[in-house]
Amino acid sequence: QVQLVESGGGLVQPGGSLRLSCAVSGSSFSINAMGWYRQTPGKPRNFVATITSGGWPTYADSVKGRFTISRDNAKKTVYLQMNSLKPEDTAVYYCNTALDATLGRNWGQGTQVTVSS
């Protein structure tokens, strides 16, 4: 069973930046594709970005050019650098393995990101 602990969320003004971290345990982290996802109240959880075991990223169109996903296999941690934040980026952000996200299971507690002036 994979354990996921997200951190780094908070309140930031429009145009600001945040860096989210996700510490992963209980799995062979280096071989798993990992992803970030976000959810607002009453709406389904949406894909934000994924990164393959080899470090190849994919992004949702809404965050391309502003967000950067990365991973440190030695630390078993995946990151999401978020720049030029907009109010519509406000959500609870979750990380997960790409497989578990597809299967809709094993979500962590998430971290709240609020973009507001």
PDB file of N, CA and C in Angstrom:
ATOM      1  N   GLN A   1       0.840  -1.189   0.000  1.00  0.00           N
ATOM      2  CA  GLN A   1       0.000   0.000   0.000  1.00  0.00           C
ATOM      3  C   GLN A   1       0.880   1.247   0.000  1.00  0.00           C
ATOM      4  N   VAL A   2       0.616   2.132  -0.939  1.00  0.00           N
ATOM      5  CA  VAL A   2       1.363   3.379  -1.036  1.00  0.00           C
ATOM      6  C   VAL A   2       0.789   4.390  -0.060  1.00  0.00           C
ATOM      7  N   GLN A   3       1.666   5.074   0.670  1.00  0.00           N
ATOM      8  CA  GLN A   3       1.243   6.191   1.516  1.00  0.00           C
ATOM      9  C   GLN A   3       1.735   7.496   0.894  1.00  0.00           C
ATOM     10  N   LEU A   4       0.860   8.488   0.908  1.00  0.00           N
ATOM     11  CA  LEU A   4       1.143   9.764   0.263  1.00  0.00           C
ATOM     12  C   LEU A   4       0.873  10.895   1.247  1.00  0.00           C
ATOM     13  N   VAL A   5       1.826  11.812   1.368  1.00  0.00           N
ATOM     14  CA  VAL A   5       1.641  12.968   2.241  1.00  0.00           C
ATOM     15  C   VAL A   5       1.976  14.224   1.448  1.00  0.00           C
ATOM     16  N   GLU A   6       0.919  15.006   1.151  1.00  0.00           N
ATOM     17  CA  GLU A   6       1.097  16.256   0.407  1.00  0.00           C
ATOM     18  C   GLU A   6       1.318  17.406   1.372  1.00  0.00           C
ATOM     19  N   SER A   7       2.111  18.382   0.939  1.00  0.00           N
ATOM     20  CA  SER A   7       2.351  19.568   1.752  1.00  0.00           C
ATOM     21  C   SER A   7       2.707  20.737   0.847  1.00  0.00           C
ATOM     22  N   GLY A   8       2.718  21.939   1.446  1.00  0.00           N
ATOM     23  CA  GLY A   8       3.161  23.116   0.707  1.00  0.00           C
ATOM     24  C   GLY A   8       2.054  24.050   0.252  1.00  0.00           C
ATOM     25  N   GLY A   9       0.811  23.674   0.492  1.00  0.00           N
ATOM     26  CA  GLY A   9      -0.282  24.545   0.097  1.00  0.00           C
ATOM     27  C   GLY A   9      -0.374  25.774   0.985  1.00  0.00           C
ATOM     28  N   GLY A  10      -1.277  26.680   0.604  1.00  0.00           N
ATOM     29  CA  GLY A  10      -1.468  27.885   1.400  1.00  0.00           C
ATOM     30  C   GLY A  10      -2.241  28.929   0.627  1.00  0.00           C
ATOM     31  N   LEU A  11      -2.235  30.136   1.190  1.00  0.00           N
ATOM     32  CA  LEU A  11      -2.911  31.275   0.570  1.00  0.00           C
ATOM     33  C   LEU A  11      -1.870  32.123  -0.153  1.00  0.00           C
ATOM     34  N   VAL A  12      -2.145  32.441  -1.408  1.00  0.00           N
ATOM     35  CA  VAL A  12      -1.203  33.225  -2.193  1.00  0.00           C
ATOM     36  C   VAL A  12      -1.994  34.194  -3.065  1.00  0.00           C
ATOM     37  N   GLN A  13      -1.406  35.337  -3.348  1.00  0.00           N
ATOM     38  CA  GLN A  13      -2.061  36.315  -4.205  1.00  0.00           C
ATOM     39  C   GLN A  13      -1.947  35.918  -5.674  1.00  0.00           C
ATOM     40  N   PRO A  14      -2.871  36.374  -6.494  1.00  0.00           N
ATOM     41  CA  PRO A  14      -2.757  36.113  -7.935  1.00  0.00           C
ATOM     42  C   PRO A  14      -1.395  36.564  -8.456  1.00  0.00           C
ATOM     43  N   GLY A  15      -0.808  35.730  -9.311  1.00  0.00           N
ATOM     44  CA  GLY A  15       0.527  36.006  -9.822  1.00  0.00           C
ATOM     45  C   GLY A  15       1.641  35.430  -8.982  1.00  0.00           C
ATOM     46  N   GLY A  16       1.295  34.932  -7.811  1.00  0.00           N
ATOM     47  CA  GLY A  16       2.300  34.382  -6.911  1.00  0.00           C
ATOM     48  C   GLY A  16       2.677  32.952  -7.244  1.00  0.00           C
ATOM     49  N   SER A  17       3.523  32.371  -6.383  1.00  0.00           N
ATOM     50  CA  SER A  17       4.040  31.021  -6.596  1.00  0.00           C
ATOM     51  C   SER A  17       3.934  30.194  -5.340  1.00  0.00           C
ATOM     52  N   LEU A  18       3.808  28.905  -5.534  1.00  0.00           N
ATOM     53  CA  LEU A  18       3.867  27.921  -4.458  1.00  0.00           C
ATOM     54  C   LEU A  18       4.566  26.679  -4.985  1.00  0.00           C
ATOM     55  N   ARG A  19       5.178  25.933  -4.066  1.00  0.00           N
ATOM     56  CA  ARG A  19       5.776  24.651  -4.417  1.00  0.00           C
ATOM     57  C   ARG A  19       5.177  23.572  -3.538  1.00  0.00           C
ATOM     58  N   LEU A  20       4.504  22.646  -4.158  1.00  0.00           N
ATOM     59  CA  LEU A  20       3.910  21.528  -3.439  1.00  0.00           C
ATOM     60  C   LEU A  20       4.881  20.342  -3.424  1.00  0.00           C
ATOM     61  N   SER A  21       4.839  19.589  -2.331  1.00  0.00           N
ATOM     62  CA  SER A  21       5.648  18.383  -2.205  1.00  0.00           C
ATOM     63  C   SER A  21       4.754  17.208  -1.860  1.00  0.00           C
ATOM     64  N   CYS A  22       5.157  16.028  -2.306  1.00  0.00           N
ATOM     65  CA  CYS A  22       4.431  14.807  -1.980  1.00  0.00           C
ATOM     66  C   CYS A  22       5.449  13.747  -1.618  1.00  0.00           C
ATOM     67  N   ALA A  23       5.469  13.365  -0.341  1.00  0.00           N
ATOM     68  CA  ALA A  23       6.353  12.306   0.131  1.00  0.00           C
ATOM     69  C   ALA A  23       5.641  10.966  -0.009  1.00  0.00           C
ATOM     70  N   VAL A  24       6.340  10.010  -0.591  1.00  0.00           N
ATOM     71  CA  VAL A  24       5.746   8.714  -0.906  1.00  0.00           C
ATOM     72  C   VAL A  24       6.484   7.617  -0.161  1.00  0.00           C
ATOM     73  N   SER A  25       5.751   6.707   0.425  1.00  0.00           N
ATOM     74  CA  SER A  25       6.371   5.556   1.078  1.00  0.00           C
ATOM     75  C   SER A  25       5.560   4.314   0.753  1.00  0.00           C
ATOM     76  N   GLY A  26       6.173   3.173   0.972  1.00  0.00           N
ATOM     77  CA  GLY A  26       5.472   1.909   0.802  1.00  0.00           C
ATOM     78  C   GLY A  26       5.382   1.427  -0.625  1.00  0.00           C
ATOM     79  N   SER A  27       6.244   1.942  -1.494  1.00  0.00           N
ATOM     80  CA  SER A  27       6.184   1.485  -2.879  1.00  0.00           C
ATOM     81  C   SER A  27       7.563   1.579  -3.509  1.00  0.00           C
ATOM     82  N   SER A  28       7.685   0.973  -4.661  1.00  0.00           N
ATOM     83  CA  SER A  28       8.894   1.150  -5.457  1.00  0.00           C
ATOM     84  C   SER A  28       8.747   2.452  -6.231  1.00  0.00           C
ATOM     85  N   PHE A  29       9.004   3.553  -5.545  1.00  0.00           N
ATOM     86  CA  PHE A  29       8.698   4.883  -6.076  1.00  0.00           C
ATOM     87  C   PHE A  29       9.303   5.102  -7.451  1.00  0.00           C
ATOM     88  N   SER A  30      10.550   4.685  -7.629  1.00  0.00           N
ATOM     89  CA  SER A  30      11.270   5.055  -8.843  1.00  0.00           C
ATOM     90  C   SER A  30      10.659   4.465 -10.108  1.00  0.00           C
ATOM     91  N   ILE A  31       9.868   3.405  -9.981  1.00  0.00           N
ATOM     92  CA  ILE A  31       9.315   2.787 -11.182  1.00  0.00           C
ATOM     93  C   ILE A  31       7.906   3.255 -11.479  1.00  0.00           C
ATOM     94  N   ASN A  32       7.332   4.061 -10.597  1.00  0.00           N
ATOM     95  CA  ASN A  32       5.955   4.507 -10.778  1.00  0.00           C
ATOM     96  C   ASN A  32       5.877   5.862 -11.449  1.00  0.00           C
ATOM     97  N   ALA A  33       4.978   5.980 -12.431  1.00  0.00           N
ATOM     98  CA  ALA A  33       4.601   7.307 -12.891  1.00  0.00           C
ATOM     99  C   ALA A  33       3.784   7.961 -11.782  1.00  0.00           C
ATOM    100  N   MET A  34       4.033   9.249 -11.549  1.00  0.00           N
ATOM    101  CA  MET A  34       3.357   9.970 -10.471  1.00  0.00           C
ATOM    102  C   MET A  34       2.607  11.165 -11.058  1.00  0.00           C
ATOM    103  N   GLY A  35       1.580  11.595 -10.344  1.00  0.00           N
ATOM    104  CA  GLY A  35       0.811  12.713 -10.863  1.00  0.00           C
ATOM    105  C   GLY A  35       0.284  13.620  -9.779  1.00  0.00           C
ATOM    106  N   TRP A  36      -0.085  14.811 -10.179  1.00  0.00           N
ATOM    107  CA  TRP A  36      -0.800  15.760  -9.338  1.00  0.00           C
ATOM    108  C   TRP A  36      -2.194  15.973  -9.925  1.00  0.00           C
ATOM    109  N   TYR A  37      -3.159  16.107  -9.022  1.00  0.00           N
ATOM    110  CA  TYR A  37      -4.558  16.253  -9.404  1.00  0.00           C
ATOM    111  C   TYR A  37      -5.172  17.294  -8.482  1.00  0.00           C
ATOM    112  N   ARG A  38      -6.278  17.899  -8.885  1.00  0.00           N
ATOM    113  CA  ARG A  38      -6.896  18.901  -8.020  1.00  0.00           C
ATOM    114  C   ARG A  38      -8.408  18.797  -8.076  1.00  0.00           C
ATOM    115  N   GLN A  39      -9.028  19.270  -6.989  1.00  0.00           N
ATOM    116  CA  GLN A  39     -10.474  19.160  -6.866  1.00  0.00           C
ATOM    117  C   GLN A  39     -11.033  20.369  -6.145  1.00  0.00           C
ATOM    118  N   THR A  40     -12.142  20.880  -6.667  1.00  0.00           N
ATOM    119  CA  THR A  40     -12.888  21.937  -5.995  1.00  0.00           C
ATOM    120  C   THR A  40     -14.222  21.361  -5.542  1.00  0.00           C
ATOM    121  N   PRO A  41     -14.856  21.992  -4.543  1.00  0.00           N
ATOM    122  CA  PRO A  41     -16.091  21.426  -3.970  1.00  0.00           C
ATOM    123  C   PRO A  41     -17.168  21.180  -5.031  1.00  0.00           C
ATOM    124  N   GLY A  42     -17.731  19.987  -4.993  1.00  0.00           N
ATOM    125  CA  GLY A  42     -18.828  19.654  -5.889  1.00  0.00           C
ATOM    126  C   GLY A  42     -18.417  19.270  -7.290  1.00  0.00           C
ATOM    127  N   LYS A  43     -17.109  19.213  -7.527  1.00  0.00           N
ATOM    128  CA  LYS A  43     -16.626  18.869  -8.870  1.00  0.00           C
ATOM    129  C   LYS A  43     -15.704  17.668  -8.811  1.00  0.00           C
ATOM    130  N   PRO A  44     -15.551  16.959  -9.915  1.00  0.00           N
ATOM    131  CA  PRO A  44     -14.650  15.799  -9.898  1.00  0.00           C
ATOM    132  C   PRO A  44     -13.196  16.232  -9.812  1.00  0.00           C
ATOM    133  N   ARG A  45     -12.373  15.289  -9.375  1.00  0.00           N
ATOM    134  CA  ARG A  45     -10.941  15.530  -9.310  1.00  0.00           C
ATOM    135  C   ARG A  45     -10.381  15.539 -10.731  1.00  0.00           C
ATOM    136  N   ASN A  46      -9.537  16.508 -11.036  1.00  0.00           N
ATOM    137  CA  ASN A  46      -9.007  16.664 -12.390  1.00  0.00           C
ATOM    138  C   ASN A  46      -7.498  16.500 -12.433  1.00  0.00           C
ATOM    139  N   PHE A  47      -7.031  16.016 -13.550  1.00  0.00           N
ATOM    140  CA  PHE A  47      -5.612  15.871 -13.822  1.00  0.00           C
ATOM    141  C   PHE A  47      -4.940  17.233 -13.938  1.00  0.00           C
ATOM    142  N   VAL A  48      -3.773  17.364 -13.320  1.00  0.00           N
ATOM    143  CA  VAL A  48      -2.969  18.583 -13.440  1.00  0.00           C
ATOM    144  C   VAL A  48      -1.676  18.287 -14.202  1.00  0.00           C
ATOM    145  N   ALA A  49      -0.934  17.278 -13.746  1.00  0.00           N
ATOM    146  CA  ALA A  49       0.344  16.950 -14.363  1.00  0.00           C
ATOM    147  C   ALA A  49       0.754  15.546 -13.950  1.00  0.00           C
ATOM    148  N   THR A  50       1.490  14.873 -14.819  1.00  0.00           N
ATOM    149  CA  THR A  50       2.091  13.601 -14.466  1.00  0.00           C
ATOM    150  C   THR A  50       3.553  13.604 -14.897  1.00  0.00           C
ATOM    151  N   ILE A  51       4.312  12.708 -14.297  1.00  0.00           N
ATOM    152  CA  ILE A  51       5.708  12.549 -14.656  1.00  0.00           C
ATOM    153  C   ILE A  51       6.037  11.062 -14.653  1.00  0.00           C
ATOM    154  N   THR A  52       6.673  10.605 -15.724  1.00  0.00           N
ATOM    155  CA  THR A  52       7.003   9.182 -15.815  1.00  0.00           C
ATOM    156  C   THR A  52       8.182   8.842 -14.913  1.00  0.00           C
ATOM    157  N   SER A  53       8.455   7.567 -14.794  1.00  0.00           N
ATOM    158  CA  SER A  53       9.598   7.142 -13.994  1.00  0.00           C
ATOM    159  C   SER A  53      10.895   7.724 -14.547  1.00  0.00           C
ATOM    160  N   GLY A  54      10.930   7.978 -15.833  1.00  0.00           N
ATOM    161  CA  GLY A  54      12.128   8.547 -16.447  1.00  0.00           C
ATOM    162  C   GLY A  54      12.158  10.062 -16.458  1.00  0.00           C
ATOM    163  N   GLY A  55      11.126  10.691 -15.880  1.00  0.00           N
ATOM    164  CA  GLY A  55      11.128  12.143 -15.756  1.00  0.00           C
ATOM    165  C   GLY A  55      10.434  12.893 -16.874  1.00  0.00           C
ATOM    166  N   TRP A  56       9.641  12.202 -17.707  1.00  0.00           N
ATOM    167  CA  TRP A  56       8.947  12.874 -18.814  1.00  0.00           C
ATOM    168  C   TRP A  56       7.608  13.424 -18.316  1.00  0.00           C
ATOM    169  N   PRO A  57       7.402  14.750 -18.417  1.00  0.00           N
ATOM    170  CA  PRO A  57       6.187  15.345 -17.880  1.00  0.00           C
ATOM    171  C   PRO A  57       5.054  15.494 -18.907  1.00  0.00           C
ATOM    172  N   THR A  58       3.858  15.539 -18.396  1.00  0.00           N
ATOM    173  CA  THR A  58       2.676  15.868 -19.182  1.00  0.00           C
ATOM    174  C   THR A  58       1.826  16.818 -18.355  1.00  0.00           C
ATOM    175  N   TYR A  59       1.223  17.817 -19.006  1.00  0.00           N
ATOM    176  CA  TYR A  59       0.465  18.837 -18.286  1.00  0.00           C
ATOM    177  C   TYR A  59      -0.926  19.026 -18.868  1.00  0.00           C
ATOM    178  N   ALA A  60      -1.857  19.400 -17.993  1.00  0.00           N
ATOM    179  CA  ALA A  60      -3.148  19.863 -18.456  1.00  0.00           C
ATOM    180  C   ALA A  60      -2.951  21.192 -19.178  1.00  0.00           C
ATOM    181  N   ASP A  61      -3.773  21.439 -20.187  1.00  0.00           N
ATOM    182  CA  ASP A  61      -3.630  22.679 -20.957  1.00  0.00           C
ATOM    183  C   ASP A  61      -3.731  23.919 -20.069  1.00  0.00           C
ATOM    184  N   SER A  62      -4.540  23.835 -19.038  1.00  0.00           N
ATOM    185  CA  SER A  62      -4.785  24.999 -18.180  1.00  0.00           C
ATOM    186  C   SER A  62      -3.572  25.414 -17.357  1.00  0.00           C
ATOM    187  N   VAL A  63      -2.582  24.538 -17.239  1.00  0.00           N
ATOM    188  CA  VAL A  63      -1.419  24.863 -16.407  1.00  0.00           C
ATOM    189  C   VAL A  63      -0.113  24.876 -17.193  1.00  0.00           C
ATOM    190  N   LYS A  64      -0.169  24.542 -18.472  1.00  0.00           N
ATOM    191  CA  LYS A  64       1.049  24.517 -19.283  1.00  0.00           C
ATOM    192  C   LYS A  64       1.731  25.880 -19.277  1.00  0.00           C
ATOM    193  N   GLY A  65       3.042  25.848 -19.093  1.00  0.00           N
ATOM    194  CA  GLY A  65       3.810  27.091 -19.084  1.00  0.00           C
ATOM    195  C   GLY A  65       3.851  27.782 -17.733  1.00  0.00           C
ATOM    196  N   ARG A  66       3.027  27.319 -16.790  1.00  0.00           N
ATOM    197  CA  ARG A  66       2.993  27.929 -15.455  1.00  0.00           C
ATOM    198  C   ARG A  66       3.423  26.935 -14.370  1.00  0.00           C
ATOM    199  N   PHE A  67       3.077  25.678 -14.524  1.00  0.00           N
ATOM    200  CA  PHE A  67       3.393  24.657 -13.521  1.00  0.00           C
ATOM    201  C   PHE A  67       4.500  23.748 -14.044  1.00  0.00           C
ATOM    202  N   THR A  68       5.324  23.247 -13.113  1.00  0.00           N
ATOM    203  CA  THR A  68       6.383  22.303 -13.453  1.00  0.00           C
ATOM    204  C   THR A  68       6.366  21.156 -12.457  1.00  0.00           C
ATOM    205  N   ILE A  69       6.235  19.942 -12.970  1.00  0.00           N
ATOM    206  CA  ILE A  69       6.295  18.757 -12.117  1.00  0.00           C
ATOM    207  C   ILE A  69       7.703  18.191 -12.173  1.00  0.00           C
ATOM    208  N   SER A  70       8.185  17.708 -11.036  1.00  0.00           N
ATOM    209  CA  SER A  70       9.504  17.095 -10.981  1.00  0.00           C
ATOM    210  C   SER A  70       9.494  16.011  -9.905  1.00  0.00           C
ATOM    211  N   ARG A  71      10.542  15.222  -9.874  1.00  0.00           N
ATOM    212  CA  ARG A  71      10.618  14.156  -8.894  1.00  0.00           C
ATOM    213  C   ARG A  71      12.054  13.950  -8.461  1.00  0.00           C
ATOM    214  N   ASP A  72      12.210  13.485  -7.229  1.00  0.00           N
ATOM    215  CA  ASP A  72      13.509  13.117  -6.674  1.00  0.00           C
ATOM    216  C   ASP A  72      13.363  11.670  -6.219  1.00  0.00           C
ATOM    217  N   ASN A  73      13.868  10.757  -7.009  1.00  0.00           N
ATOM    218  CA  ASN A  73      13.698   9.337  -6.688  1.00  0.00           C
ATOM    219  C   ASN A  73      14.426   8.938  -5.412  1.00  0.00           C
ATOM    220  N   ALA A  74      15.552   9.577  -5.132  1.00  0.00           N
ATOM    221  CA  ALA A  74      16.299   9.259  -3.910  1.00  0.00           C
ATOM    222  C   ALA A  74      15.504   9.640  -2.661  1.00  0.00           C
ATOM    223  N   LYS A  75      14.746  10.731  -2.759  1.00  0.00           N
ATOM    224  CA  LYS A  75      13.945  11.190  -1.624  1.00  0.00           C
ATOM    225  C   LYS A  75      12.513  10.664  -1.683  1.00  0.00           C
ATOM    226  N   LYS A  76      12.167   9.940  -2.748  1.00  0.00           N
ATOM    227  CA  LYS A  76      10.810   9.437  -2.929  1.00  0.00           C
ATOM    228  C   LYS A  76       9.801  10.576  -2.804  1.00  0.00           C
ATOM    229  N   THR A  77      10.060  11.642  -3.499  1.00  0.00           N
ATOM    230  CA  THR A  77       9.231  12.838  -3.420  1.00  0.00           C
ATOM    231  C   THR A  77       8.955  13.362  -4.820  1.00  0.00           C
ATOM    232  N   VAL A  78       7.719  13.810  -5.011  1.00  0.00           N
ATOM    233  CA  VAL A  78       7.348  14.468  -6.264  1.00  0.00           C
ATOM    234  C   VAL A  78       6.924  15.894  -5.925  1.00  0.00           C
ATOM    235  N   TYR A  79       7.254  16.820  -6.797  1.00  0.00           N
ATOM    236  CA  TYR A  79       7.023  18.242  -6.553  1.00  0.00           C
ATOM    237  C   TYR A  79       6.129  18.833  -7.639  1.00  0.00           C
ATOM    238  N   LEU A  80       5.478  19.926  -7.281  1.00  0.00           N
ATOM    239  CA  LEU A  80       4.744  20.708  -8.270  1.00  0.00           C
ATOM    240  C   LEU A  80       5.060  22.184  -8.001  1.00  0.00           C
ATOM    241  N   GLN A  81       5.861  22.769  -8.876  1.00  0.00           N
ATOM    242  CA  GLN A  81       6.154  24.201  -8.804  1.00  0.00           C
ATOM    243  C   GLN A  81       5.064  24.937  -9.563  1.00  0.00           C
ATOM    244  N   MET A  82       4.381  25.828  -8.876  1.00  0.00           N
ATOM    245  CA  MET A  82       3.260  26.555  -9.476  1.00  0.00           C
ATOM    246  C   MET A  82       3.592  28.040  -9.502  1.00  0.00           C
ATOM    247  N   ASN A  83       3.679  28.592 -10.692  1.00  0.00           N
ATOM    248  CA  ASN A  83       3.964  30.009 -10.881  1.00  0.00           C
ATOM    249  C   ASN A  83       2.779  30.699 -11.561  1.00  0.00           C
ATOM    250  N   SER A  84       2.776  32.009 -11.489  1.00  0.00           N
ATOM    251  CA  SER A  84       1.713  32.804 -12.126  1.00  0.00           C
ATOM    252  C   SER A  84       0.331  32.275 -11.760  1.00  0.00           C
ATOM    253  N   LEU A  85       0.141  32.060 -10.480  1.00  0.00           N
ATOM    254  CA  LEU A  85      -1.111  31.456 -10.021  1.00  0.00           C
ATOM    255  C   LEU A  85      -2.306  32.362 -10.272  1.00  0.00           C
ATOM    256  N   LYS A  86      -3.432  31.721 -10.575  1.00  0.00           N
ATOM    257  CA  LYS A  86      -4.681  32.417 -10.872  1.00  0.00           C
ATOM    258  C   LYS A  86      -5.744  31.974  -9.862  1.00  0.00           C
ATOM    259  N   PRO A  87      -6.763  32.786  -9.656  1.00  0.00           N
ATOM    260  CA  PRO A  87      -7.837  32.370  -8.735  1.00  0.00           C
ATOM    261  C   PRO A  87      -8.446  31.018  -9.116  1.00  0.00           C
ATOM    262  N   GLU A  88      -8.512  30.725 -10.399  1.00  0.00           N
ATOM    263  CA  GLU A  88      -9.092  29.446 -10.824  1.00  0.00           C
ATOM    264  C   GLU A  88      -8.202  28.249 -10.514  1.00  0.00           C
ATOM    265  N   ASP A  89      -6.993  28.483 -10.023  1.00  0.00           N
ATOM    266  CA  ASP A  89      -6.144  27.389  -9.554  1.00  0.00           C
ATOM    267  C   ASP A  89      -6.497  26.974  -8.133  1.00  0.00           C
ATOM    268  N   THR A  90      -7.373  27.721  -7.479  1.00  0.00           N
ATOM    269  CA  THR A  90      -7.785  27.382  -6.122  1.00  0.00           C
ATOM    270  C   THR A  90      -8.438  26.004  -6.093  1.00  0.00           C
ATOM    271  N   ALA A  91      -7.918  25.122  -5.236  1.00  0.00           N
ATOM    272  CA  ALA A  91      -8.406  23.748  -5.168  1.00  0.00           C
ATOM    273  C   ALA A  91      -7.634  23.013  -4.071  1.00  0.00           C
ATOM    274  N   VAL A  92      -8.082  21.821  -3.758  1.00  0.00           N
ATOM    275  CA  VAL A  92      -7.279  20.888  -2.980  1.00  0.00           C
ATOM    276  C   VAL A  92      -6.455  20.076  -3.968  1.00  0.00           C
ATOM    277  N   TYR A  93      -5.158  20.038  -3.751  1.00  0.00           N
ATOM    278  CA  TYR A  93      -4.245  19.348  -4.651  1.00  0.00           C
ATOM    279  C   TYR A  93      -3.826  18.018  -4.027  1.00  0.00           C
ATOM    280  N   TYR A  94      -3.886  16.985  -4.848  1.00  0.00           N
ATOM    281  CA  TYR A  94      -3.532  15.639  -4.422  1.00  0.00           C
ATOM    282  C   TYR A  94      -2.435  15.079  -5.333  1.00  0.00           C
ATOM    283  N   CYS A  95      -1.588  14.240  -4.763  1.00  0.00           N
ATOM    284  CA  CYS A  95      -0.687  13.463  -5.603  1.00  0.00           C
ATOM    285  C   CYS A  95      -1.102  11.995  -5.503  1.00  0.00           C
ATOM    286  N   ASN A  96      -0.656  11.226  -6.478  1.00  0.00           N
ATOM    287  CA  ASN A  96      -0.951   9.801  -6.478  1.00  0.00           C
ATOM    288  C   ASN A  96      -0.083   9.150  -7.532  1.00  0.00           C
ATOM    289  N   THR A  97       0.025   7.835  -7.475  1.00  0.00           N
ATOM    290  CA  THR A  97       0.597   7.145  -8.609  1.00  0.00           C
ATOM    291  C   THR A  97      -0.398   7.271  -9.763  1.00  0.00           C
ATOM    292  N   ALA A  98       0.112   7.300 -10.963  1.00  0.00           N
ATOM    293  CA  ALA A  98      -0.773   7.446 -12.114  1.00  0.00           C
ATOM    294  C   ALA A  98      -1.753   6.277 -12.195  1.00  0.00           C
ATOM    295  N   LEU A  99      -1.289   5.091 -11.837  1.00  0.00           N
ATOM    296  CA  LEU A  99      -2.161   3.914 -11.881  1.00  0.00           C
ATOM    297  C   LEU A  99      -3.300   4.033 -10.877  1.00  0.00           C
ATOM    298  N   ASP A 100      -2.969   4.367  -9.608  1.00  0.00           N
ATOM    299  CA  ASP A 100      -4.014   4.481  -8.596  1.00  0.00           C
ATOM    300  C   ASP A 100      -4.980   5.607  -8.918  1.00  0.00           C
ATOM    301  N   ALA A 101      -4.466   6.681  -9.489  1.00  0.00           N
ATOM    302  CA  ALA A 101      -5.362   7.779  -9.883  1.00  0.00           C
ATOM    303  C   ALA A 101      -6.348   7.301 -10.942  1.00  0.00           C
ATOM    304  N   THR A 102      -5.884   6.534 -11.891  1.00  0.00           N
ATOM    305  CA  THR A 102      -6.757   5.995 -12.931  1.00  0.00           C
ATOM    306  C   THR A 102      -7.817   5.076 -12.333  1.00  0.00           C
ATOM    307  N   LEU A 103      -7.420   4.310 -11.309  1.00  0.00           N
ATOM    308  CA  LEU A 103      -8.347   3.379 -10.670  1.00  0.00           C
ATOM    309  C   LEU A 103      -9.186   4.040  -9.597  1.00  0.00           C
ATOM    310  N   GLY A 104      -8.901   5.319  -9.281  1.00  0.00           N
ATOM    311  CA  GLY A 104      -9.694   6.051  -8.308  1.00  0.00           C
ATOM    312  C   GLY A 104      -9.527   5.577  -6.887  1.00  0.00           C
ATOM    313  N   ARG A 105      -8.309   5.233  -6.517  1.00  0.00           N
ATOM    314  CA  ARG A 105      -8.088   4.697  -5.183  1.00  0.00           C
ATOM    315  C   ARG A 105      -6.848   5.301  -4.527  1.00  0.00           C
ATOM    316  N   ASN A 106      -6.797   5.110  -3.186  1.00  0.00           N
ATOM    317  CA  ASN A 106      -5.602   5.427  -2.402  1.00  0.00           C
ATOM    318  C   ASN A 106      -5.226   6.907  -2.447  1.00  0.00           C
ATOM    319  N   TRP A 107      -6.203   7.776  -2.281  1.00  0.00           N
ATOM    320  CA  TRP A 107      -5.914   9.201  -2.235  1.00  0.00           C
ATOM    321  C   TRP A 107      -5.471   9.608  -0.832  1.00  0.00           C
ATOM    322  N   GLY A 108      -4.536  10.559  -0.770  1.00  0.00           N
ATOM    323  CA  GLY A 108      -4.099  11.117   0.501  1.00  0.00           C
ATOM    324  C   GLY A 108      -5.032  12.220   0.958  1.00  0.00           C
ATOM    325  N   GLN A 109      -4.567  13.023   1.906  1.00  0.00           N
ATOM    326  CA  GLN A 109      -5.421  14.064   2.470  1.00  0.00           C
ATOM    327  C   GLN A 109      -5.434  15.331   1.624  1.00  0.00           C
ATOM    328  N   GLY A 110      -4.466  15.474   0.752  1.00  0.00           N
ATOM    329  CA  GLY A 110      -4.398  16.651  -0.107  1.00  0.00           C
ATOM    330  C   GLY A 110      -3.875  17.870   0.622  1.00  0.00           C
ATOM    331  N   THR A 111      -3.620  18.917  -0.130  1.00  0.00           N
ATOM    332  CA  THR A 111      -3.177  20.184   0.435  1.00  0.00           C
ATOM    333  C   THR A 111      -3.933  21.317  -0.257  1.00  0.00           C
ATOM    334  N   GLN A 112      -4.468  22.225   0.554  1.00  0.00           N
ATOM    335  CA  GLN A 112      -5.320  23.293   0.027  1.00  0.00           C
ATOM    336  C   GLN A 112      -4.468  24.419  -0.551  1.00  0.00           C
ATOM    337  N   VAL A 113      -4.802  24.828  -1.764  1.00  0.00           N
ATOM    338  CA  VAL A 113      -4.194  25.995  -2.394  1.00  0.00           C
ATOM    339  C   VAL A 113      -5.299  27.007  -2.647  1.00  0.00           C
ATOM    340  N   THR A 114      -5.120  28.206  -2.115  1.00  0.00           N
ATOM    341  CA  THR A 114      -6.094  29.271  -2.310  1.00  0.00           C
ATOM    342  C   THR A 114      -5.389  30.469  -2.928  1.00  0.00           C
ATOM    343  N   VAL A 115      -5.889  30.898  -4.078  1.00  0.00           N
ATOM    344  CA  VAL A 115      -5.322  32.046  -4.782  1.00  0.00           C
ATOM    345  C   VAL A 115      -6.331  33.176  -4.722  1.00  0.00           C
ATOM    346  N   SER A 116      -6.002  34.186  -3.930  1.00  0.00           N
ATOM    347  CA  SER A 116      -6.955  35.267  -3.707  1.00  0.00           C
ATOM    348  C   SER A 116      -6.223  36.519  -3.265  1.00  0.00           C
ATOM    349  N   SER A 117      -6.763  37.665  -3.653  1.00  0.00           N
ATOM    350  CA  SER A 117      -6.200  38.928  -3.192  1.00  0.00           C
ATOM    351  C   SER A 117      -6.922  39.395  -1.927  1.00  0.00           C
TER     352      SER A 117
END
